[in-house]
Amino acid sequence: MFITQKLAGQTVAHVLAGQNLTEALNAVWRSNPDLESGQRGAIQDICYGTLRQLGLIEGVLKQLLRSPLHEPELKALLLIAVYQLQFTRAASHTIVDHAVKVAAQTGSGFGKGLVNGVLRSFLRGKDELVRRAQANEVGLYSHPAWWIKTMKSAYPTEWEAILVANNQHPPMTLRVNPAHTSVNDYLALLSAANIEASALDELAIILKRPVSVDFLPHFFAGWVSVQDWGAQVAAKLLDLHDGQTVLDACAAPGGKTCHILETAQVTLTALDNDASRLQRVKDNLKRVNKTATLLQGDASAPDTWFDGQQFDRILADVPCSATGVARRHPDIKWLRRNDDLAKFARQQAKILDALWPLVAPNGKLLYATCSVFPIENAASAEAFALRHPDAKRLELPASALPNGQSIDGQLLPTAEHDGFYYALFSKS
């Protein structure tokens, strides 16, 4: 547990200093190539769990510290140890003992006594400490105050369920490739592999517990893909037909790209401004045995890559705050700032305005985000329609939506899917 706590603490410290969690973990893997898979899993679980519950844990820690702690790695060590003591089944004495040993090697090394005292004080009074921390909404819901305030305003009846869902473990959902199998037949293969699962619709399967893709039957032959149920909506809404030309703007990592090609025989261009992310699209296409034209370019600057041939369908899956997938990326809650939302909205408007001339007459553009904030979603869609009188907003068919419903195109996170937003426009 020593190395697990040490590396988890360092990772959380980097995230709280502003680094993306995925990048921080990748740096740990590169620096420690000899870690066993079990150690990697434990480090990842502790980091994700600590960041999911960070509001509560920080509320507890403030009660236990006489003054602010200015050594970031020592503070992160305390955060992950309190998380372990409160939310895991590991033996408390082991957690404390190893945390003290890590403290001896952290920063100036003065923190052994502090860590020992703080953690033992937590064990003596944790029920009352947690109760007091949860008296504050940031501690109760483990979200920043500005986020909670915005959710209350935007979703007066759903806000609490959204915050609670963001702190749960995300579901693992599969998309069946109908060229190879059906939902019922693949469920039988999963059952034979002792993997519990159930159908969500004619293409989607949700697993009772996440598993490595290595254990999914015929995964590497393209029979299924891992894709959230909410993300599977995009290809359905595009109203795809054989022979169409399609642009998947901001395509990486390629889940929607592959779904489009599995839905109809179209000529598809996959665009992304990041070469390394475009490689992931290429890898996903290879696994499902599909082909597309891959372009590296900026969706907001078509003059650098557009050849003049308009598209029948465009998927504008634009950059956003990613707040609808916060349970998959819990660092988002603590790295995002309120003023980030307006910046994303401006970027989204620029991309939409640049892509709209590329839509052929009678063609359709689908605007998509994985956000739950209206400024990036409904407000952006409404503003786009006002700027472009030839853009007619279409009603989303209930048959394409999870459980047949949304709030004006907004899918809120539930036990079955993440948070997404969709707005569909046709060119008159």
Protein backbone atom coordinates (compact mmCIF):
# COMPACT_ATOMS: atom_id res chain seq x y z
CA MET A 1 0.00 0.00 0.00
CA PHE A 2 2.98 2.32 0.54
CA ILE A 3 3.73 2.82 -3.16
CA THR A 4 0.01 3.04 -3.92
CA GLN A 5 -0.51 5.88 -1.45
CA LYS A 6 2.66 7.65 -2.48
CA LEU A 7 1.83 7.71 -6.18
CA ALA A 8 -1.88 8.39 -5.66
CA GLY A 9 -0.99 11.35 -3.43
CA GLN A 10 1.42 12.74 -6.00
CA THR A 11 -1.21 12.36 -8.74
CA VAL A 12 -3.93 14.15 -6.77
CA ALA A 13 -1.46 16.93 -5.92
CA HIS A 14 -0.79 17.46 -9.64
CA VAL A 15 -4.51 17.57 -10.40
CA LEU A 16 -5.16 20.13 -7.65
CA ALA A 17 -2.34 22.20 -9.17
CA GLY A 18 -4.26 22.23 -12.46
CA GLN A 19 -3.22 19.12 -14.37
CA ASN A 20 -5.71 16.87 -16.14
CA LEU A 21 -6.20 13.59 -14.24
CA THR A 22 -5.63 11.43 -17.29
CA GLU A 23 -2.37 13.22 -18.05
CA ALA A 24 -1.27 12.99 -14.41
CA LEU A 25 -1.92 9.24 -14.32
CA ASN A 26 -0.16 8.69 -17.64
CA ALA A 27 2.88 10.47 -16.24
CA VAL A 28 2.84 8.08 -13.25
CA TRP A 29 2.66 5.04 -15.55
CA ARG A 30 5.58 6.32 -17.64
CA SER A 31 7.70 7.02 -14.56
CA ASN A 32 6.89 3.68 -12.94
CA PRO A 33 6.83 1.07 -15.72
CA ASP A 34 7.26 -1.81 -13.28
CA LEU A 35 3.94 -1.27 -11.51
CA GLU A 36 1.74 -4.34 -11.51
CA SER A 37 -1.77 -4.13 -12.95
CA GLY A 38 -3.25 -4.43 -9.46
CA GLN A 39 -1.19 -1.48 -8.24
CA ARG A 40 -2.25 0.60 -11.22
CA GLY A 41 -5.87 -0.22 -10.57
CA ALA A 42 -5.58 0.69 -6.90
CA ILE A 43 -3.87 4.01 -7.64
CA GLN A 44 -6.51 4.89 -10.21
CA ASP A 45 -9.38 3.93 -7.90
CA ILE A 46 -8.02 6.06 -5.06
CA CYS A 47 -7.47 9.09 -7.31
CA TYR A 48 -10.90 8.88 -8.91
CA GLY A 49 -12.61 8.28 -5.59
CA THR A 50 -10.80 11.11 -3.83
CA LEU A 51 -11.71 13.59 -6.56
CA ARG A 52 -15.34 12.42 -6.66
CA GLN A 53 -15.65 13.05 -2.92
CA LEU A 54 -13.22 15.96 -2.68
CA GLY A 55 -15.74 18.49 -1.36
CA LEU A 56 -16.61 16.26 1.57
CA ILE A 57 -13.01 15.26 2.30
CA GLU A 58 -11.77 18.85 2.24
CA GLY A 59 -14.61 19.80 4.58
CA VAL A 60 -13.44 17.13 7.01
CA LEU A 61 -9.78 18.11 6.70
CA LYS A 62 -10.47 21.77 7.45
CA GLN A 63 -11.86 20.72 10.82
CA LEU A 64 -8.77 18.68 11.63
CA LEU A 65 -6.08 21.18 10.64
CA ARG A 66 -5.35 24.17 12.85
CA SER A 67 -4.02 26.17 9.91
CA PRO A 68 -3.86 25.74 6.10
CA LEU A 69 -1.33 23.18 4.91
CA HIS A 70 1.06 24.67 2.37
CA GLU A 71 2.82 21.50 1.20
CA PRO A 72 0.66 20.26 -1.71
CA GLU A 73 1.81 16.63 -1.64
CA LEU A 74 1.31 16.38 2.12
CA LYS A 75 -2.20 17.78 1.79
CA ALA A 76 -2.96 15.38 -1.07
CA LEU A 77 -1.68 12.49 1.04
CA LEU A 78 -4.12 13.43 3.80
CA LEU A 79 -6.95 13.73 1.29
CA ILE A 80 -6.44 10.28 -0.17
CA ALA A 81 -5.93 8.70 3.27
CA VAL A 82 -9.18 10.21 4.58
CA TYR A 83 -10.88 8.93 1.42
CA GLN A 84 -9.52 5.44 2.06
CA LEU A 85 -10.59 5.48 5.71
CA GLN A 86 -14.11 6.66 4.88
CA PHE A 87 -14.90 4.91 1.60
CA THR A 88 -12.79 1.75 1.28
CA ARG A 89 -12.57 -1.54 3.13
CA ALA A 90 -8.82 -1.43 3.71
CA ALA A 91 -7.72 -1.88 7.31
CA SER A 92 -7.57 1.52 9.02
CA HIS A 93 -4.33 0.81 10.88
CA THR A 94 -2.63 -0.14 7.59
CA ILE A 95 -3.84 3.04 5.89
CA VAL A 96 -2.55 5.20 8.75
CA ASP A 97 0.77 3.40 9.15
CA HIS A 98 1.63 3.59 5.46
CA ALA A 99 0.50 7.21 5.19
CA VAL A 100 2.91 8.10 8.01
CA LYS A 101 5.73 6.34 6.16
CA VAL A 102 4.90 8.22 2.95
CA ALA A 103 4.83 11.49 4.91
CA ALA A 104 8.38 10.86 6.09
CA GLN A 105 9.46 10.98 2.44
CA THR A 106 7.21 13.87 1.41
CA GLY A 107 8.27 17.50 1.15
CA SER A 108 10.39 18.59 4.09
CA GLY A 109 9.66 15.35 5.93
CA PHE A 110 8.18 17.11 8.97
CA GLY A 111 4.71 15.72 8.35
CA LYS A 112 4.94 12.30 10.06
CA GLY A 113 3.46 13.47 13.32
CA LEU A 114 0.91 15.69 11.61
CA VAL A 115 -0.39 12.89 9.37
CA ASN A 116 -0.51 10.44 12.24
CA GLY A 117 -2.39 12.88 14.47
CA VAL A 118 -4.87 14.04 11.82
CA LEU A 119 -5.78 10.54 10.67
CA ARG A 120 -6.18 9.16 14.18
CA SER A 121 -8.32 12.16 15.11
CA PHE A 122 -10.47 11.42 12.08
CA LEU A 123 -10.94 7.81 13.15
CA ARG A 124 -11.99 8.87 16.64
CA GLY A 125 -14.63 11.34 15.48
CA LYS A 126 -15.36 10.60 11.84
CA ASP A 127 -19.15 10.41 12.09
CA GLU A 128 -19.42 13.88 13.60
CA LEU A 129 -16.72 15.28 11.31
CA VAL A 130 -18.56 14.01 8.23
CA ARG A 131 -21.88 15.33 9.53
CA ARG A 132 -20.41 18.80 9.99
CA ALA A 133 -18.76 18.73 6.55
CA GLN A 134 -22.06 17.79 4.95
CA ALA A 135 -23.82 20.73 6.60
CA ASN A 136 -22.25 22.73 3.76
CA GLU A 137 -23.56 22.00 0.23
CA VAL A 138 -20.05 21.77 -1.19
CA GLY A 139 -19.34 19.03 1.36
CA LEU A 140 -22.72 17.36 0.90
CA TYR A 141 -22.63 17.17 -2.90
CA SER A 142 -18.85 17.39 -3.55
CA HIS A 143 -19.24 20.03 -6.27
CA PRO A 144 -18.00 23.64 -6.35
CA ALA A 145 -20.47 26.21 -5.05
CA TRP A 146 -20.81 27.92 -8.46
CA TRP A 147 -21.67 24.59 -10.11
CA ILE A 148 -24.36 23.83 -7.51
CA LYS A 149 -25.85 27.32 -7.89
CA THR A 150 -25.98 27.00 -11.69
CA MET A 151 -27.62 23.56 -11.52
CA LYS A 152 -30.29 24.84 -9.15
CA SER A 153 -31.11 27.69 -11.50
CA ALA A 154 -31.12 25.57 -14.66
CA TYR A 155 -32.88 22.49 -13.28
CA PRO A 156 -35.08 23.44 -10.30
CA THR A 157 -36.43 19.90 -9.86
CA GLU A 158 -33.56 17.78 -11.21
CA TRP A 159 -30.46 19.55 -9.84
CA GLU A 160 -29.92 17.28 -6.85
CA ALA A 161 -30.25 14.08 -8.89
CA ILE A 162 -27.68 15.46 -11.35
CA LEU A 163 -25.15 16.16 -8.60
CA VAL A 164 -25.72 12.75 -6.99
CA ALA A 165 -25.33 10.99 -10.36
CA ASN A 166 -22.02 12.81 -10.97
CA ASN A 167 -20.55 11.16 -7.88
CA GLN A 168 -21.49 7.60 -8.86
CA HIS A 169 -19.41 5.11 -10.79
CA PRO A 170 -20.26 5.43 -14.50
CA PRO A 171 -21.97 2.59 -16.35
CA MET A 172 -20.16 0.52 -18.98
CA THR A 173 -22.28 0.33 -22.10
CA LEU A 174 -21.69 -1.48 -25.36
CA ARG A 175 -22.90 -0.71 -28.87
CA VAL A 176 -23.57 -3.81 -30.94
CA ASN A 177 -22.42 -3.85 -34.57
CA PRO A 178 -25.44 -5.26 -36.46
CA ALA A 179 -23.20 -6.44 -39.28
CA HIS A 180 -21.86 -9.10 -36.91
CA THR A 181 -24.48 -9.87 -34.28
CA SER A 182 -27.68 -8.81 -32.53
CA VAL A 183 -28.26 -7.63 -28.97
CA ASN A 184 -29.87 -10.93 -27.97
CA ASP A 185 -27.14 -13.05 -29.55
CA TYR A 186 -24.41 -10.97 -27.95
CA LEU A 187 -26.12 -11.15 -24.57
CA ALA A 188 -25.89 -14.93 -24.91
CA LEU A 189 -22.15 -14.66 -25.62
CA LEU A 190 -21.70 -12.45 -22.56
CA SER A 191 -23.66 -14.90 -20.42
CA ALA A 192 -21.44 -17.75 -21.62
CA ALA A 193 -18.45 -15.63 -20.56
CA ASN A 194 -20.04 -15.08 -17.10
CA ILE A 195 -20.53 -11.37 -17.77
CA GLU A 196 -23.87 -10.08 -16.47
CA ALA A 197 -25.59 -7.63 -18.78
CA SER A 198 -28.97 -6.46 -20.06
CA ALA A 199 -30.34 -4.73 -23.16
CA LEU A 200 -31.13 -1.02 -23.24
CA ASP A 201 -32.43 -0.91 -26.81
CA GLU A 202 -31.88 -2.62 -30.17
CA LEU A 203 -28.16 -1.71 -30.18
CA ALA A 204 -27.16 -0.93 -26.59
CA ILE A 205 -26.14 -3.29 -23.80
CA ILE A 206 -25.29 -2.23 -20.25
CA LEU A 207 -22.97 -4.36 -18.12
CA LYS A 208 -23.74 -4.98 -14.48
CA ARG A 209 -20.07 -4.45 -13.68
CA PRO A 210 -17.33 -2.98 -15.90
CA VAL A 211 -14.84 -5.42 -17.38
CA SER A 212 -11.70 -5.10 -19.44
CA VAL A 213 -12.39 -5.17 -23.18
CA ASP A 214 -10.04 -8.16 -23.28
CA PHE A 215 -12.90 -10.21 -21.83
CA LEU A 216 -15.57 -9.04 -24.29
CA PRO A 217 -16.28 -11.71 -26.92
CA HIS A 218 -15.04 -10.69 -30.38
CA PHE A 219 -14.34 -7.13 -29.28
CA PHE A 220 -11.16 -6.88 -31.33
CA ALA A 221 -13.05 -8.20 -34.37
CA GLY A 222 -15.42 -5.24 -34.14
CA TRP A 223 -18.55 -7.01 -32.94
CA VAL A 224 -19.14 -4.41 -30.22
CA SER A 225 -17.76 -1.04 -29.17
CA VAL A 226 -17.70 0.63 -25.77
CA GLN A 227 -19.91 3.72 -26.05
CA ASP A 228 -22.21 5.43 -23.60
CA TRP A 229 -25.92 5.05 -24.35
CA GLY A 230 -26.32 8.80 -24.53
CA ALA A 231 -23.51 9.07 -27.09
CA GLN A 232 -25.20 6.44 -29.25
CA VAL A 233 -28.01 8.93 -29.89
CA ALA A 234 -25.91 10.99 -32.32
CA ALA A 235 -25.84 8.55 -35.24
CA LYS A 236 -29.57 7.88 -34.84
CA LEU A 237 -30.46 11.57 -35.01
CA LEU A 238 -28.47 12.18 -38.20
CA ASP A 239 -31.07 10.34 -40.33
CA LEU A 240 -28.40 8.53 -42.31
CA HIS A 241 -28.98 6.90 -45.70
CA ASP A 242 -26.73 5.01 -48.10
CA GLY A 243 -24.85 7.23 -50.52
CA GLN A 244 -24.75 10.35 -48.36
CA THR A 245 -21.65 12.42 -47.68
CA VAL A 246 -21.00 13.00 -43.98
CA LEU A 247 -18.57 15.18 -42.03
CA ASP A 248 -17.76 14.20 -38.45
CA ALA A 249 -16.21 17.40 -37.16
CA CYS A 250 -14.15 17.12 -33.94
CA ALA A 251 -14.24 13.36 -34.53
CA ALA A 252 -11.76 11.95 -31.99
CA PRO A 253 -11.70 9.42 -30.47
CA GLY A 254 -13.99 8.02 -33.16
CA GLY A 255 -16.84 6.28 -31.37
CA LYS A 256 -19.49 8.27 -33.23
CA THR A 257 -17.47 8.00 -36.45
CA CYS A 258 -17.64 4.21 -36.32
CA HIS A 259 -21.30 4.23 -35.36
CA ILE A 260 -22.15 6.37 -38.40
CA LEU A 261 -20.36 3.93 -40.70
CA GLU A 262 -22.10 0.96 -39.05
CA THR A 263 -25.48 2.65 -39.62
CA ALA A 264 -25.33 3.35 -43.38
CA GLN A 265 -22.97 3.11 -46.36
CA VAL A 266 -21.87 6.73 -46.46
CA THR A 267 -18.77 8.58 -47.58
CA LEU A 268 -17.39 9.99 -44.35
CA THR A 269 -14.75 12.58 -43.55
CA ALA A 270 -13.44 12.55 -39.98
CA LEU A 271 -11.90 15.85 -38.91
CA ASP A 272 -9.89 16.68 -35.81
CA ASN A 273 -7.27 19.31 -35.05
CA ASP A 274 -5.09 16.98 -32.95
CA ALA A 275 -2.92 14.48 -34.83
CA SER A 276 -2.51 12.13 -31.86
CA ARG A 277 -6.27 12.06 -31.28
CA LEU A 278 -6.85 11.47 -34.99
CA GLN A 279 -4.69 8.37 -34.67
CA ARG A 280 -7.25 7.03 -32.17
CA VAL A 281 -9.95 7.48 -34.80
CA LYS A 282 -7.80 5.51 -37.23
CA ASP A 283 -7.29 2.73 -34.68
CA ASN A 284 -11.03 2.49 -33.96
CA LEU A 285 -11.86 2.38 -37.66
CA LYS A 286 -9.36 -0.42 -38.17
CA ARG A 287 -10.89 -2.46 -35.34
CA VAL A 288 -14.40 -2.28 -36.83
CA ASN A 289 -13.08 -2.68 -40.40
CA LYS A 290 -14.42 0.65 -41.67
CA THR A 291 -12.81 3.37 -43.78
CA ALA A 292 -13.05 7.15 -43.78
CA THR A 293 -11.07 10.13 -44.99
CA LEU A 294 -9.10 11.47 -42.02
CA LEU A 295 -8.25 15.15 -41.98
CA GLN A 296 -6.28 17.14 -39.45
CA GLY A 297 -7.78 20.60 -39.28
CA ASP A 298 -9.65 23.22 -37.30
CA ALA A 299 -13.43 22.90 -37.57
CA SER A 300 -13.72 26.68 -37.13
CA ALA A 301 -11.43 27.35 -40.12
CA PRO A 302 -12.71 25.26 -43.07
CA ASP A 303 -10.78 27.37 -45.59
CA THR A 304 -7.66 25.44 -44.53
CA TRP A 305 -9.08 21.99 -45.40
CA PHE A 306 -12.49 22.21 -47.17
CA ASP A 307 -12.45 21.20 -50.86
CA GLY A 308 -15.75 22.87 -51.75
CA GLN A 309 -17.93 19.73 -51.82
CA GLN A 310 -20.82 20.24 -49.38
CA PHE A 311 -21.99 17.51 -47.02
CA ASP A 312 -25.43 15.94 -46.65
CA ARG A 313 -24.89 15.52 -42.92
CA ILE A 314 -22.53 17.19 -40.45
CA LEU A 315 -21.99 16.10 -36.87
CA ALA A 316 -20.64 19.05 -34.86
CA ASP A 317 -19.60 17.34 -31.63
CA VAL A 318 -17.99 20.51 -30.36
CA PRO A 319 -15.48 21.15 -27.55
CA CYS A 320 -17.29 21.87 -24.28
CA SER A 321 -16.92 21.82 -20.51
CA ALA A 322 -17.52 18.03 -20.51
CA THR A 323 -19.59 18.47 -17.36
CA GLY A 324 -22.01 15.77 -18.48
CA VAL A 325 -19.26 13.16 -18.10
CA ALA A 326 -17.91 14.42 -14.76
CA ARG A 327 -18.28 11.01 -13.12
CA ARG A 328 -15.87 9.60 -15.73
CA HIS A 329 -13.53 12.57 -15.26
CA PRO A 330 -14.03 13.80 -11.67
CA ASP A 331 -11.17 16.27 -11.99
CA ILE A 332 -13.48 18.34 -14.21
CA LYS A 333 -15.47 19.43 -11.16
CA TRP A 334 -12.42 21.05 -9.59
CA LEU A 335 -10.54 22.27 -12.69
CA ARG A 336 -13.43 24.01 -14.45
CA ARG A 337 -14.23 27.63 -13.61
CA ASN A 338 -17.51 29.46 -14.06
CA ASP A 339 -16.06 31.79 -16.69
CA ASP A 340 -14.89 28.80 -18.76
CA LEU A 341 -18.47 28.25 -19.90
CA ALA A 342 -18.75 31.53 -21.81
CA LYS A 343 -15.39 30.82 -23.47
CA PHE A 344 -16.63 27.43 -24.65
CA ALA A 345 -19.88 28.98 -25.89
CA ARG A 346 -17.94 31.48 -28.01
CA GLN A 347 -15.79 28.69 -29.46
CA GLN A 348 -18.89 26.61 -30.21
CA ALA A 349 -20.57 29.52 -32.01
CA LYS A 350 -17.47 30.04 -34.14
CA ILE A 351 -17.44 26.37 -35.16
CA LEU A 352 -21.17 26.26 -35.93
CA ASP A 353 -21.03 29.40 -38.05
CA ALA A 354 -18.02 28.04 -39.95
CA LEU A 355 -19.60 24.64 -40.62
CA TRP A 356 -23.08 25.79 -41.62
CA PRO A 357 -22.06 26.87 -45.18
CA LEU A 358 -20.67 23.34 -45.66
CA VAL A 359 -24.14 21.79 -45.28
CA ALA A 360 -25.75 20.99 -48.63
CA PRO A 361 -29.29 22.27 -49.39
CA ASN A 362 -31.83 20.11 -47.51
CA GLY A 363 -28.93 18.70 -45.51
CA LYS A 364 -28.75 18.46 -41.73
CA LEU A 365 -26.34 19.53 -39.01
CA LEU A 366 -26.39 17.95 -35.55
CA TYR A 367 -25.00 20.08 -32.74
CA ALA A 368 -23.77 17.95 -29.84
CA THR A 369 -22.03 18.47 -26.51
CA CYS A 370 -21.37 16.38 -23.40
CA SER A 371 -22.30 19.30 -21.16
CA VAL A 372 -25.20 19.95 -18.80
CA PHE A 373 -24.87 23.75 -18.73
CA PRO A 374 -27.52 25.65 -20.73
CA ILE A 375 -25.09 28.37 -21.84
CA GLU A 376 -23.30 25.75 -23.95
CA ASN A 377 -26.46 23.95 -25.02
CA ALA A 378 -29.93 25.45 -25.37
CA ALA A 379 -28.61 29.01 -25.39
CA SER A 380 -26.01 28.18 -28.06
CA ALA A 381 -28.58 26.39 -30.23
CA GLU A 382 -31.08 29.24 -29.97
CA ALA A 383 -28.44 31.85 -30.78
CA PHE A 384 -27.29 29.84 -33.81
CA ALA A 385 -30.85 29.64 -35.17
CA LEU A 386 -31.23 33.41 -34.80
CA ARG A 387 -27.99 34.04 -36.69
CA HIS A 388 -29.00 31.72 -39.55
CA PRO A 389 -32.59 32.15 -40.79
CA ASP A 390 -32.14 29.20 -43.19
CA ALA A 391 -31.50 26.86 -40.25
CA LYS A 392 -34.70 25.12 -39.20
CA ARG A 393 -34.54 23.36 -35.87
CA LEU A 394 -36.09 19.91 -35.99
CA GLU A 395 -37.84 18.03 -33.23
CA LEU A 396 -35.83 15.08 -31.93
CA PRO A 397 -37.65 11.77 -32.47
CA ALA A 398 -38.43 10.05 -29.18
CA SER A 399 -37.45 6.71 -30.70
CA ALA A 400 -33.83 7.89 -30.89
CA LEU A 401 -33.60 9.04 -27.26
CA PRO A 402 -32.82 6.95 -24.15
CA ASN A 403 -36.17 6.10 -22.62
CA GLY A 404 -37.73 8.26 -25.32
CA GLN A 405 -37.21 11.57 -23.59
CA SER A 406 -35.02 14.62 -23.03
CA ILE A 407 -35.40 18.17 -21.78
CA ASP A 408 -35.38 20.13 -25.05
CA GLY A 409 -32.51 18.00 -26.34
CA GLN A 410 -30.76 17.78 -22.96
CA LEU A 411 -30.00 14.32 -21.61
CA LEU A 412 -29.22 14.52 -17.91
CA PRO A 413 -26.89 11.92 -16.33
CA THR A 414 -28.66 8.85 -14.97
CA ALA A 415 -27.64 5.36 -13.90
CA GLU A 416 -27.86 4.33 -17.56
CA HIS A 417 -26.14 7.15 -19.44
CA ASP A 418 -24.07 10.33 -19.15
CA GLY A 419 -25.17 13.90 -19.81
CA PHE A 420 -25.41 15.06 -23.45
CA TYR A 421 -27.10 17.76 -25.47
CA TYR A 422 -28.38 17.54 -29.04
CA ALA A 423 -29.92 20.08 -31.43
CA LEU A 424 -30.72 19.12 -35.03
CA PHE A 425 -30.98 21.67 -37.86
CA SER A 426 -31.96 21.30 -41.50
CA LYS A 427 -30.95 23.75 -44.23
CA SER A 428 -33.92 25.15 -46.12
